[in-house]
Amino acid sequence: MKFDKDLLRTVLFAVGVVAMVIGIYQTLLYDDLGRNYWIFMIASACWMPLIYWRQKDTVAAKLAEQAAKAAKTAPKAPKGSKPGGAPKGGKPAPRRR
């Protein structure tokens, strides 16, 4: 059985939203934030991995985009050129001073 990361993200988000709504309701009902602090911490603990994974996915997408752009703009070797970069005649290019 394969683990579905999208399902985990959905469950964490749902638990975080429910905990936040319950925390806000309890705070307004009892007029005491201190008693309900732990509920808000459950919500934030559910959202922290989601934020981390989202940042990680964004960075990976940017790196993939940059790699694709670099591969697209990389100069192609002309036909008949050697992989070492030597000219076709076999003589090395003169050195620049």
PDB file of N, CA and C in Angstrom:
ATOM      1  N   MET A   1       0.843  -1.176   0.000  1.00  0.00           N
ATOM      2  CA  MET A   1       0.000   0.000   0.000  1.00  0.00           C
ATOM      3  C   MET A   1       0.889   1.241   0.000  1.00  0.00           C
ATOM      4  N   LYS A   2       0.605   2.155  -0.901  1.00  0.00           N
ATOM      5  CA  LYS A   2       1.415   3.354  -1.041  1.00  0.00           C
ATOM      6  C   LYS A   2       0.807   4.496  -0.223  1.00  0.00           C
ATOM      7  N   PHE A   3       1.681   5.277   0.414  1.00  0.00           N
ATOM      8  CA  PHE A   3       1.247   6.401   1.240  1.00  0.00           C
ATOM      9  C   PHE A   3       0.940   7.598   0.348  1.00  0.00           C
ATOM     10  N   ASP A   4      -0.214   8.200   0.549  1.00  0.00           N
ATOM     11  CA  ASP A   4      -0.634   9.339  -0.257  1.00  0.00           C
ATOM     12  C   ASP A   4      -0.360  10.630   0.509  1.00  0.00           C
ATOM     13  N   LYS A   5       0.618  11.409   0.037  1.00  0.00           N
ATOM     14  CA  LYS A   5       0.985  12.642   0.720  1.00  0.00           C
ATOM     15  C   LYS A   5      -0.107  13.711   0.580  1.00  0.00           C
ATOM     16  N   ASP A   6      -0.833  13.691  -0.531  1.00  0.00           N
ATOM     17  CA  ASP A   6      -1.915  14.658  -0.714  1.00  0.00           C
ATOM     18  C   ASP A   6      -3.033  14.447   0.305  1.00  0.00           C
ATOM     19  N   LEU A   7      -3.298  13.198   0.644  1.00  0.00           N
ATOM     20  CA  LEU A   7      -4.312  12.908   1.659  1.00  0.00           C
ATOM     21  C   LEU A   7      -3.870  13.451   3.017  1.00  0.00           C
ATOM     22  N   LEU A   8      -2.596  13.289   3.341  1.00  0.00           N
ATOM     23  CA  LEU A   8      -2.071  13.825   4.601  1.00  0.00           C
ATOM     24  C   LEU A   8      -2.191  15.342   4.633  1.00  0.00           C
ATOM     25  N   ARG A   9      -1.879  15.990   3.524  1.00  0.00           N
ATOM     26  CA  ARG A   9      -2.005  17.452   3.460  1.00  0.00           C
ATOM     27  C   ARG A   9      -3.454  17.886   3.677  1.00  0.00           C
ATOM     28  N   THR A  10      -4.386  17.173   3.077  1.00  0.00           N
ATOM     29  CA  THR A  10      -5.798  17.508   3.223  1.00  0.00           C
ATOM     30  C   THR A  10      -6.263  17.323   4.661  1.00  0.00           C
ATOM     31  N   VAL A  11      -5.858  16.229   5.279  1.00  0.00           N
ATOM     32  CA  VAL A  11      -6.262  15.957   6.664  1.00  0.00           C
ATOM     33  C   VAL A  11      -5.655  16.995   7.608  1.00  0.00           C
ATOM     34  N   LEU A  12      -4.372  17.312   7.431  1.00  0.00           N
ATOM     35  CA  LEU A  12      -3.738  18.317   8.295  1.00  0.00           C
ATOM     36  C   LEU A  12      -4.406  19.680   8.139  1.00  0.00           C
ATOM     37  N   PHE A  13      -4.728  20.052   6.914  1.00  0.00           N
ATOM     38  CA  PHE A  13      -5.393  21.329   6.694  1.00  0.00           C
ATOM     39  C   PHE A  13      -6.771  21.350   7.347  1.00  0.00           C
ATOM     40  N   ALA A  14      -7.528  20.268   7.189  1.00  0.00           N
ATOM     41  CA  ALA A  14      -8.875  20.207   7.764  1.00  0.00           C
ATOM     42  C   ALA A  14      -8.832  20.244   9.287  1.00  0.00           C
ATOM     43  N   VAL A  15      -7.915  19.489   9.887  1.00  0.00           N
ATOM     44  CA  VAL A  15      -7.799  19.493  11.354  1.00  0.00           C
ATOM     45  C   VAL A  15      -7.373  20.874  11.839  1.00  0.00           C
ATOM     46  N   GLY A  16      -6.475  21.526  11.103  1.00  0.00           N
ATOM     47  CA  GLY A  16      -6.048  22.872  11.479  1.00  0.00           C
ATOM     48  C   GLY A  16      -7.184  23.876  11.428  1.00  0.00           C
ATOM     49  N   VAL A  17      -8.004  23.799  10.381  1.00  0.00           N
ATOM     50  CA  VAL A  17      -9.137  24.722  10.256  1.00  0.00           C
ATOM     51  C   VAL A  17     -10.157  24.471  11.360  1.00  0.00           C
ATOM     52  N   VAL A  18     -10.468  23.210  11.615  1.00  0.00           N
ATOM     53  CA  VAL A  18     -11.437  22.879  12.670  1.00  0.00           C
ATOM     54  C   VAL A  18     -10.925  23.344  14.026  1.00  0.00           C
ATOM     55  N   ALA A  19      -9.647  23.118  14.312  1.00  0.00           N
ATOM     56  CA  ALA A  19      -9.083  23.551  15.596  1.00  0.00           C
ATOM     57  C   ALA A  19      -9.122  25.070  15.722  1.00  0.00           C
ATOM     58  N   MET A  20      -8.847  25.787  14.630  1.00  0.00           N
ATOM     59  CA  MET A  20      -8.881  27.250  14.683  1.00  0.00           C
ATOM     60  C   MET A  20     -10.304  27.746  14.938  1.00  0.00           C
ATOM     61  N   VAL A  21     -11.285  27.158  14.264  1.00  0.00           N
ATOM     62  CA  VAL A  21     -12.679  27.574  14.459  1.00  0.00           C
ATOM     63  C   VAL A  21     -13.128  27.277  15.887  1.00  0.00           C
ATOM     64  N   ILE A  22     -12.792  26.103  16.397  1.00  0.00           N
ATOM     65  CA  ILE A  22     -13.156  25.760  17.777  1.00  0.00           C
ATOM     66  C   ILE A  22     -12.461  26.697  18.756  1.00  0.00           C
ATOM     67  N   GLY A  23     -11.191  26.996  18.503  1.00  0.00           N
ATOM     68  CA  GLY A  23     -10.459  27.903  19.386  1.00  0.00           C
ATOM     69  C   GLY A  23     -11.065  29.295  19.416  1.00  0.00           C
ATOM     70  N   ILE A  24     -11.437  29.804  18.251  1.00  0.00           N
ATOM     71  CA  ILE A  24     -12.061  31.134  18.198  1.00  0.00           C
ATOM     72  C   ILE A  24     -13.412  31.115  18.905  1.00  0.00           C
ATOM     73  N   TYR A  25     -14.192  30.077  18.672  1.00  0.00           N
ATOM     74  CA  TYR A  25     -15.504  29.981  19.317  1.00  0.00           C
ATOM     75  C   TYR A  25     -15.362  29.909  20.839  1.00  0.00           C
ATOM     76  N   GLN A  26     -14.468  29.062  21.321  1.00  0.00           N
ATOM     77  CA  GLN A  26     -14.275  28.922  22.766  1.00  0.00           C
ATOM     78  C   GLN A  26     -13.747  30.222  23.383  1.00  0.00           C
ATOM     79  N   THR A  27     -12.878  30.911  22.661  1.00  0.00           N
ATOM     80  CA  THR A  27     -12.342  32.173  23.179  1.00  0.00           C
ATOM     81  C   THR A  27     -13.442  33.223  23.292  1.00  0.00           C
ATOM     82  N   LEU A  28     -14.308  33.296  22.286  1.00  0.00           N
ATOM     83  CA  LEU A  28     -15.403  34.260  22.354  1.00  0.00           C
ATOM     84  C   LEU A  28     -16.442  33.863  23.398  1.00  0.00           C
ATOM     85  N   LEU A  29     -16.676  32.561  23.552  1.00  0.00           N
ATOM     86  CA  LEU A  29     -17.683  32.086  24.490  1.00  0.00           C
ATOM     87  C   LEU A  29     -17.252  32.324  25.937  1.00  0.00           C
ATOM     88  N   TYR A  30     -16.007  31.958  26.268  1.00  0.00           N
ATOM     89  CA  TYR A  30     -15.530  32.070  27.646  1.00  0.00           C
ATOM     90  C   TYR A  30     -14.738  33.341  27.899  1.00  0.00           C
ATOM     91  N   ASP A  31     -14.471  34.126  26.861  1.00  0.00           N
ATOM     92  CA  ASP A  31     -13.733  35.377  26.985  1.00  0.00           C
ATOM     93  C   ASP A  31     -12.382  35.162  27.678  1.00  0.00           C
ATOM     94  N   ASP A  32     -11.699  34.076  27.284  1.00  0.00           N
ATOM     95  CA  ASP A  32     -10.419  33.745  27.915  1.00  0.00           C
ATOM     96  C   ASP A  32      -9.523  33.046  26.891  1.00  0.00           C
ATOM     97  N   LEU A  33      -8.519  33.757  26.430  1.00  0.00           N
ATOM     98  CA  LEU A  33      -7.594  33.194  25.451  1.00  0.00           C
ATOM     99  C   LEU A  33      -6.649  32.183  26.090  1.00  0.00           C
ATOM    100  N   GLY A  34      -6.299  32.390  27.328  1.00  0.00           N
ATOM    101  CA  GLY A  34      -5.357  31.503  28.016  1.00  0.00           C
ATOM    102  C   GLY A  34      -5.850  30.076  28.144  1.00  0.00           C
ATOM    103  N   ARG A  35      -7.149  29.912  28.361  1.00  0.00           N
ATOM    104  CA  ARG A  35      -7.711  28.559  28.493  1.00  0.00           C
ATOM    105  C   ARG A  35      -7.721  27.809  27.168  1.00  0.00           C
ATOM    106  N   ASN A  36      -7.732  28.541  26.066  1.00  0.00           N
ATOM    107  CA  ASN A  36      -7.861  27.916  24.751  1.00  0.00           C
ATOM    108  C   ASN A  36      -6.581  27.993  23.925  1.00  0.00           C
ATOM    109  N   TYR A  37      -5.497  28.366  24.558  1.00  0.00           N
ATOM    110  CA  TYR A  37      -4.220  28.505  23.859  1.00  0.00           C
ATOM    111  C   TYR A  37      -3.800  27.190  23.207  1.00  0.00           C
ATOM    112  N   TRP A  38      -4.024  26.093  23.878  1.00  0.00           N
ATOM    113  CA  TRP A  38      -3.606  24.786  23.362  1.00  0.00           C
ATOM    114  C   TRP A  38      -4.330  24.423  22.069  1.00  0.00           C
ATOM    115  N   ILE A  39      -5.570  24.906  21.927  1.00  0.00           N
ATOM    116  CA  ILE A  39      -6.317  24.623  20.695  1.00  0.00           C
ATOM    117  C   ILE A  39      -5.675  25.353  19.512  1.00  0.00           C
ATOM    118  N   PHE A  40      -5.255  26.595  19.746  1.00  0.00           N
ATOM    119  CA  PHE A  40      -4.585  27.345  18.688  1.00  0.00           C
ATOM    120  C   PHE A  40      -3.230  26.721  18.346  1.00  0.00           C
ATOM    121  N   MET A  41      -2.577  26.139  19.322  1.00  0.00           N
ATOM    122  CA  MET A  41      -1.294  25.478  19.067  1.00  0.00           C
ATOM    123  C   MET A  41      -1.480  24.206  18.233  1.00  0.00           C
ATOM    124  N   ILE A  42      -2.580  23.517  18.424  1.00  0.00           N
ATOM    125  CA  ILE A  42      -2.872  22.350  17.576  1.00  0.00           C
ATOM    126  C   ILE A  42      -3.064  22.803  16.130  1.00  0.00           C
ATOM    127  N   ALA A  43      -3.789  23.902  15.951  1.00  0.00           N
ATOM    128  CA  ALA A  43      -4.007  24.422  14.597  1.00  0.00           C
ATOM    129  C   ALA A  43      -2.687  24.824  13.949  1.00  0.00           C
ATOM    130  N   SER A  44      -1.843  25.523  14.686  1.00  0.00           N
ATOM    131  CA  SER A  44      -0.562  25.944  14.105  1.00  0.00           C
ATOM    132  C   SER A  44       0.362  24.755  13.864  1.00  0.00           C
ATOM    133  N   ALA A  45       0.300  23.742  14.724  1.00  0.00           N
ATOM    134  CA  ALA A  45       1.117  22.539  14.514  1.00  0.00           C
ATOM    135  C   ALA A  45       0.659  21.774  13.275  1.00  0.00           C
ATOM    136  N   CYS A  46      -0.617  21.867  12.938  1.00  0.00           N
ATOM    137  CA  CYS A  46      -1.105  21.224  11.715  1.00  0.00           C
ATOM    138  C   CYS A  46      -0.691  22.004  10.470  1.00  0.00           C
ATOM    139  N   TRP A  47      -0.583  23.318  10.588  1.00  0.00           N
ATOM    140  CA  TRP A  47      -0.266  24.139   9.425  1.00  0.00           C
ATOM    141  C   TRP A  47       1.227  24.278   9.162  1.00  0.00           C
ATOM    142  N   MET A  48       2.055  24.089  10.171  1.00  0.00           N
ATOM    143  CA  MET A  48       3.503  24.250   9.970  1.00  0.00           C
ATOM    144  C   MET A  48       4.070  23.322   8.900  1.00  0.00           C
ATOM    145  N   PRO A  49       3.771  22.023   8.923  1.00  0.00           N
ATOM    146  CA  PRO A  49       4.313  21.176   7.847  1.00  0.00           C
ATOM    147  C   PRO A  49       3.769  21.555   6.471  1.00  0.00           C
ATOM    148  N   LEU A  50       2.534  22.037   6.423  1.00  0.00           N
ATOM    149  CA  LEU A  50       1.965  22.439   5.137  1.00  0.00           C
ATOM    150  C   LEU A  50       2.733  23.615   4.548  1.00  0.00           C
ATOM    151  N   ILE A  51       3.064  24.584   5.384  1.00  0.00           N
ATOM    152  CA  ILE A  51       3.831  25.745   4.929  1.00  0.00           C
ATOM    153  C   ILE A  51       5.223  25.314   4.483  1.00  0.00           C
ATOM    154  N   TYR A  52       5.843  24.429   5.244  1.00  0.00           N
ATOM    155  CA  TYR A  52       7.181  23.944   4.903  1.00  0.00           C
ATOM    156  C   TYR A  52       7.165  23.190   3.571  1.00  0.00           C
ATOM    157  N   TRP A  53       6.207  22.306   3.385  1.00  0.00           N
ATOM    158  CA  TRP A  53       6.124  21.531   2.140  1.00  0.00           C
ATOM    159  C   TRP A  53       5.830  22.435   0.950  1.00  0.00           C
ATOM    160  N   ARG A  54       5.002  23.457   1.154  1.00  0.00           N
ATOM    161  CA  ARG A  54       4.682  24.373   0.064  1.00  0.00           C
ATOM    162  C   ARG A  54       5.925  25.144  -0.369  1.00  0.00           C
ATOM    163  N   GLN A  55       6.730  25.612   0.598  1.00  0.00           N
ATOM    164  CA  GLN A  55       7.972  26.307   0.268  1.00  0.00           C
ATOM    165  C   GLN A  55       8.932  25.376  -0.460  1.00  0.00           C
ATOM    166  N   LYS A  56       9.015  24.144   0.005  1.00  0.00           N
ATOM    167  CA  LYS A  56       9.909  23.165  -0.608  1.00  0.00           C
ATOM    168  C   LYS A  56       9.494  22.895  -2.057  1.00  0.00           C
ATOM    169  N   ASP A  57       8.205  22.774  -2.312  1.00  0.00           N
ATOM    170  CA  ASP A  57       7.711  22.548  -3.670  1.00  0.00           C
ATOM    171  C   ASP A  57       7.972  23.759  -4.566  1.00  0.00           C
ATOM    172  N   THR A  58       7.829  24.963  -4.012  1.00  0.00           N
ATOM    173  CA  THR A  58       8.076  26.178  -4.781  1.00  0.00           C
ATOM    174  C   THR A  58       9.538  26.271  -5.196  1.00  0.00           C
ATOM    175  N   VAL A  59      10.445  25.983  -4.269  1.00  0.00           N
ATOM    176  CA  VAL A  59      11.874  26.025  -4.576  1.00  0.00           C
ATOM    177  C   VAL A  59      12.227  24.968  -5.619  1.00  0.00           C
ATOM    178  N   ALA A  60      11.678  23.777  -5.483  1.00  0.00           N
ATOM    179  CA  ALA A  60      11.951  22.711  -6.453  1.00  0.00           C
ATOM    180  C   ALA A  60      11.431  23.091  -7.839  1.00  0.00           C
ATOM    181  N   ALA A  61      10.281  23.733  -7.907  1.00  0.00           N
ATOM    182  CA  ALA A  61       9.730  24.150  -9.194  1.00  0.00           C
ATOM    183  C   ALA A  61      10.597  25.229  -9.836  1.00  0.00           C
ATOM    184  N   LYS A  62      11.091  26.170  -9.029  1.00  0.00           N
ATOM    185  CA  LYS A  62      11.964  27.214  -9.567  1.00  0.00           C
ATOM    186  C   LYS A  62      13.270  26.627 -10.081  1.00  0.00           C
ATOM    187  N   LEU A  63      13.837  25.678  -9.343  1.00  0.00           N
ATOM    188  CA  LEU A  63      15.077  25.043  -9.791  1.00  0.00           C
ATOM    189  C   LEU A  63      14.862  24.265 -11.085  1.00  0.00           C
ATOM    190  N   ALA A  64      13.748  23.573 -11.186  1.00  0.00           N
ATOM    191  CA  ALA A  64      13.446  22.829 -12.409  1.00  0.00           C
ATOM    192  C   ALA A  64      13.243  23.777 -13.585  1.00  0.00           C
ATOM    193  N   GLU A  65      12.603  24.916 -13.332  1.00  0.00           N
ATOM    194  CA  GLU A  65      12.392  25.901 -14.385  1.00  0.00           C
ATOM    195  C   GLU A  65      13.717  26.489 -14.858  1.00  0.00           C
ATOM    196  N   GLN A  66      14.611  26.790 -13.914  1.00  0.00           N
ATOM    197  CA  GLN A  66      15.921  27.323 -14.278  1.00  0.00           C
ATOM    198  C   GLN A  66      16.737  26.294 -15.053  1.00  0.00           C
ATOM    199  N   ALA A  67      16.663  25.034 -14.653  1.00  0.00           N
ATOM    200  CA  ALA A  67      17.400  23.984 -15.359  1.00  0.00           C
ATOM    201  C   ALA A  67      16.861  23.812 -16.777  1.00  0.00           C
ATOM    202  N   ALA A  68      15.548  23.881 -16.941  1.00  0.00           N
ATOM    203  CA  ALA A  68      14.956  23.760 -18.269  1.00  0.00           C
ATOM    204  C   ALA A  68      15.342  24.950 -19.143  1.00  0.00           C
ATOM    205  N   LYS A  69      15.364  26.132 -18.547  1.00  0.00           N
ATOM    206  CA  LYS A  69      15.748  27.327 -19.292  1.00  0.00           C
ATOM    207  C   LYS A  69      17.215  27.259 -19.704  1.00  0.00           C
ATOM    208  N   ALA A  70      18.078  26.784 -18.803  1.00  0.00           N
ATOM    209  CA  ALA A  70      19.501  26.659 -19.118  1.00  0.00           C
ATOM    210  C   ALA A  70      19.728  25.613 -20.201  1.00  0.00           C
ATOM    211  N   ALA A  71      18.986  24.525 -20.162  1.00  0.00           N
ATOM    212  CA  ALA A  71      19.131  23.485 -21.180  1.00  0.00           C
ATOM    213  C   ALA A  71      18.633  23.977 -22.538  1.00  0.00           C
ATOM    214  N   LYS A  72      17.626  24.822 -22.518  1.00  0.00           N
ATOM    215  CA  LYS A  72      17.067  25.330 -23.769  1.00  0.00           C
ATOM    216  C   LYS A  72      18.007  26.332 -24.426  1.00  0.00           C
ATOM    217  N   THR A  73      18.677  27.157 -23.625  1.00  0.00           N
ATOM    218  CA  THR A  73      19.542  28.200 -24.169  1.00  0.00           C
ATOM    219  C   THR A  73      20.994  27.766 -24.298  1.00  0.00           C
ATOM    220  N   ALA A  74      21.319  26.537 -23.953  1.00  0.00           N
ATOM    221  CA  ALA A  74      22.703  26.061 -24.061  1.00  0.00           C
ATOM    222  C   ALA A  74      23.095  25.993 -25.535  1.00  0.00           C
ATOM    223  N   PRO A  75      24.310  26.469 -25.872  1.00  0.00           N
ATOM    224  CA  PRO A  75      24.734  26.435 -27.274  1.00  0.00           C
ATOM    225  C   PRO A  75      24.973  25.000 -27.731  1.00  0.00           C
ATOM    226  N   LYS A  76      24.543  24.727 -28.934  1.00  0.00           N
ATOM    227  CA  LYS A  76      24.724  23.391 -29.494  1.00  0.00           C
ATOM    228  C   LYS A  76      26.021  23.368 -30.297  1.00  0.00           C
ATOM    229  N   ALA A  77      26.721  22.248 -30.267  1.00  0.00           N
ATOM    230  CA  ALA A  77      27.973  22.103 -31.010  1.00  0.00           C
ATOM    231  C   ALA A  77      27.662  21.971 -32.495  1.00  0.00           C
ATOM    232  N   PRO A  78      28.457  22.629 -33.360  1.00  0.00           N
ATOM    233  CA  PRO A  78      28.222  22.487 -34.800  1.00  0.00           C
ATOM    234  C   PRO A  78      28.547  21.076 -35.266  1.00  0.00           C
ATOM    235  N   LYS A  79      27.997  20.714 -36.401  1.00  0.00           N
ATOM    236  CA  LYS A  79      28.219  19.370 -36.932  1.00  0.00           C
ATOM    237  C   LYS A  79      29.693  19.189 -37.269  1.00  0.00           C
ATOM    238  N   GLY A  80      30.209  18.024 -36.976  1.00  0.00           N
ATOM    239  CA  GLY A  80      31.591  17.705 -37.297  1.00  0.00           C
ATOM    240  C   GLY A  80      32.583  18.145 -36.244  1.00  0.00           C
ATOM    241  N   SER A  81      32.142  18.777 -35.196  1.00  0.00           N
ATOM    242  CA  SER A  81      33.084  19.205 -34.160  1.00  0.00           C
ATOM    243  C   SER A  81      33.373  18.038 -33.231  1.00  0.00           C
ATOM    244  N   LYS A  82      34.554  18.070 -32.679  1.00  0.00           N
ATOM    245  CA  LYS A  82      34.980  16.998 -31.783  1.00  0.00           C
ATOM    246  C   LYS A  82      34.525  17.331 -30.370  1.00  0.00           C
ATOM    247  N   PRO A  83      34.303  16.311 -29.550  1.00  0.00           N
ATOM    248  CA  PRO A  83      33.841  16.578 -28.195  1.00  0.00           C
ATOM    249  C   PRO A  83      34.870  17.326 -27.360  1.00  0.00           C
ATOM    250  N   GLY A  84      36.150  17.218 -27.696  1.00  0.00           N
ATOM    251  CA  GLY A  84      37.195  17.898 -26.924  1.00  0.00           C
ATOM    252  C   GLY A  84      37.263  19.376 -27.204  1.00  0.00           C
ATOM    253  N   GLY A  85      36.656  19.828 -28.269  1.00  0.00           N
ATOM    254  CA  GLY A  85      36.643  21.240 -28.582  1.00  0.00           C
ATOM    255  C   GLY A  85      37.752  21.644 -29.538  1.00  0.00           C
ATOM    256  N   ALA A  86      38.554  20.722 -30.046  1.00  0.00           N
ATOM    257  CA  ALA A  86      39.629  21.053 -30.978  1.00  0.00           C
ATOM    258  C   ALA A  86      39.035  21.378 -32.341  1.00  0.00           C
ATOM    259  N   PRO A  87      39.701  22.255 -33.102  1.00  0.00           N
ATOM    260  CA  PRO A  87      39.201  22.575 -34.440  1.00  0.00           C
ATOM    261  C   PRO A  87      39.223  21.353 -35.348  1.00  0.00           C
ATOM    262  N   LYS A  88      38.539  21.473 -36.470  1.00  0.00           N
ATOM    263  CA  LYS A  88      38.385  20.343 -37.374  1.00  0.00           C
ATOM    264  C   LYS A  88      39.714  19.891 -37.986  1.00  0.00           C
ATOM    265  N   GLY A  89      40.647  20.794 -38.186  1.00  0.00           N
ATOM    266  CA  GLY A  89      41.913  20.457 -38.821  1.00  0.00           C
ATOM    267  C   GLY A  89      42.841  19.643 -37.942  1.00  0.00           C
ATOM    268  N   GLY A  90      42.628  19.562 -36.686  1.00  0.00           N
ATOM    269  CA  GLY A  90      43.455  18.785 -35.782  1.00  0.00           C
ATOM    270  C   GLY A  90      44.477  19.612 -35.034  1.00  0.00           C
ATOM    271  N   LYS A  91      44.743  20.837 -35.499  1.00  0.00           N
ATOM    272  CA  LYS A  91      45.708  21.689 -34.805  1.00  0.00           C
ATOM    273  C   LYS A  91      44.981  22.444 -33.694  1.00  0.00           C
ATOM    274  N   PRO A  92      45.655  22.630 -32.575  1.00  0.00           N
ATOM    275  CA  PRO A  92      45.021  23.406 -31.509  1.00  0.00           C
ATOM    276  C   PRO A  92      44.958  24.883 -31.881  1.00  0.00           C
ATOM    277  N   ALA A  93      44.003  25.561 -31.321  1.00  0.00           N
ATOM    278  CA  ALA A  93      43.859  26.991 -31.564  1.00  0.00           C
ATOM    279  C   ALA A  93      45.014  27.734 -30.905  1.00  0.00           C
ATOM    280  N   PRO A  94      45.471  28.840 -31.509  1.00  0.00           N
ATOM    281  CA  PRO A  94      46.579  29.590 -30.901  1.00  0.00           C
ATOM    282  C   PRO A  94      46.154  30.199 -29.569  1.00  0.00           C
ATOM    283  N   ARG A  95      47.124  30.311 -28.686  1.00  0.00           N
ATOM    284  CA  ARG A  95      46.845  30.880 -27.364  1.00  0.00           C
ATOM    285  C   ARG A  95      46.733  32.392 -27.451  1.00  0.00           C
ATOM    286  N   ARG A  96      45.863  32.912 -26.642  1.00  0.00           N
ATOM    287  CA  ARG A  96      45.713  34.368 -26.563  1.00  0.00           C
ATOM    288  C   ARG A  96      46.603  34.885 -25.459  1.00  0.00           C
ATOM    289  N   ARG A  97      47.206  36.025 -25.703  1.00  0.00           N
ATOM    290  CA  ARG A  97      48.089  36.608 -24.683  1.00  0.00           C
ATOM    291  C   ARG A  97      47.463  37.798 -24.046  1.00  0.00           C
TER     292      ARG A  97
END
